[in-house]
Amino acid sequence: MMDDVVELEGSVNGEGMRIGIAMSRFNTDVTEGLLSACVAELERLGVRGSDITLVSVAGALEIPLALQR
């Protein structure tokens, strides 16, 4: 069934990339864990910690406003 499916594999290199992360402060038990995993994966892919910018906002409704800024 999957014989005719084309699968593309590539390598992701984050070297030289600048990344912005917007995070809600609501439900920090969940969001802190997600943030840690996200930053760890970005660093594994070659993104330097100094190239990651984090903005935290009160809740999910404020995320679009922070991203616009």
Protein backbone atom coordinates (compact mmCIF):
# COMPACT_ATOMS: atom_id res chain seq x y z
CA MET A 1 0.00 0.00 0.00
CA MET A 2 2.85 2.43 0.77
CA ASP A 3 5.00 1.29 -2.17
CA ASP A 4 4.06 4.29 -4.31
CA VAL A 5 4.56 6.92 -1.59
CA VAL A 6 7.62 9.13 -2.05
CA GLU A 7 9.30 10.02 1.22
CA LEU A 8 11.70 12.94 1.35
CA GLU A 9 14.36 13.01 4.00
CA GLY A 10 16.54 15.96 4.65
CA SER A 11 18.87 17.26 7.24
CA VAL A 12 17.93 20.33 9.20
CA ASN A 13 20.78 22.63 10.06
CA GLY A 14 19.89 25.50 12.37
CA GLU A 15 23.33 27.05 12.33
CA GLY A 16 23.08 30.82 11.87
CA MET A 17 19.29 30.89 12.33
CA ARG A 18 17.61 33.30 14.72
CA ILE A 19 14.50 31.88 16.37
CA GLY A 20 11.69 33.61 18.25
CA ILE A 21 9.47 31.73 20.69
CA ALA A 22 6.22 33.13 22.10
CA MET A 23 5.00 31.34 25.23
CA SER A 24 1.98 31.75 27.47
CA ARG A 25 2.53 31.95 31.24
CA PHE A 26 -0.82 30.22 31.74
CA ASN A 27 -0.39 26.58 32.82
CA THR A 28 3.36 26.82 33.38
CA ASP A 29 3.61 23.11 34.25
CA VAL A 30 2.91 22.36 30.60
CA THR A 31 4.51 25.36 28.89
CA GLU A 32 7.83 25.13 30.75
CA GLY A 33 8.21 21.50 29.69
CA LEU A 34 7.39 22.38 26.08
CA LEU A 35 9.86 25.27 26.17
CA SER A 36 12.65 23.07 27.53
CA ALA A 37 12.09 20.44 24.85
CA CYS A 38 11.89 23.08 22.11
CA VAL A 39 15.12 24.81 23.13
CA ALA A 40 16.93 21.47 23.52
CA GLU A 41 15.90 20.42 20.00
CA LEU A 42 16.86 23.77 18.50
CA GLU A 43 20.30 23.56 20.13
CA ARG A 44 20.68 19.97 18.92
CA LEU A 45 20.01 21.25 15.40
CA GLY A 46 22.76 23.85 15.73
CA VAL A 47 20.89 26.98 16.82
CA ARG A 48 22.93 28.88 19.40
CA GLY A 49 21.18 29.77 22.65
CA SER A 50 22.06 33.42 22.09
CA ASP A 51 20.08 33.29 18.82
CA ILE A 52 16.86 32.25 20.57
CA THR A 53 14.55 35.01 21.78
CA LEU A 54 11.71 34.19 24.18
CA VAL A 55 8.73 36.38 24.91
CA SER A 56 6.26 35.24 27.56
CA VAL A 57 2.76 36.63 27.76
CA ALA A 58 -0.14 36.21 30.15
CA GLY A 59 -2.25 33.86 28.03
CA ALA A 60 -2.86 32.48 24.57
CA LEU A 61 -4.84 35.54 23.47
CA GLU A 62 -1.78 37.77 23.86
CA ILE A 63 0.50 35.59 21.70
CA PRO A 64 -0.60 37.12 18.35
CA LEU A 65 -0.02 40.63 19.73
CA ALA A 66 3.48 39.69 20.88
CA LEU A 67 4.25 38.16 17.48
CA GLN A 68 3.12 41.33 15.69
CA ARG A 69 5.52 43.37 17.76
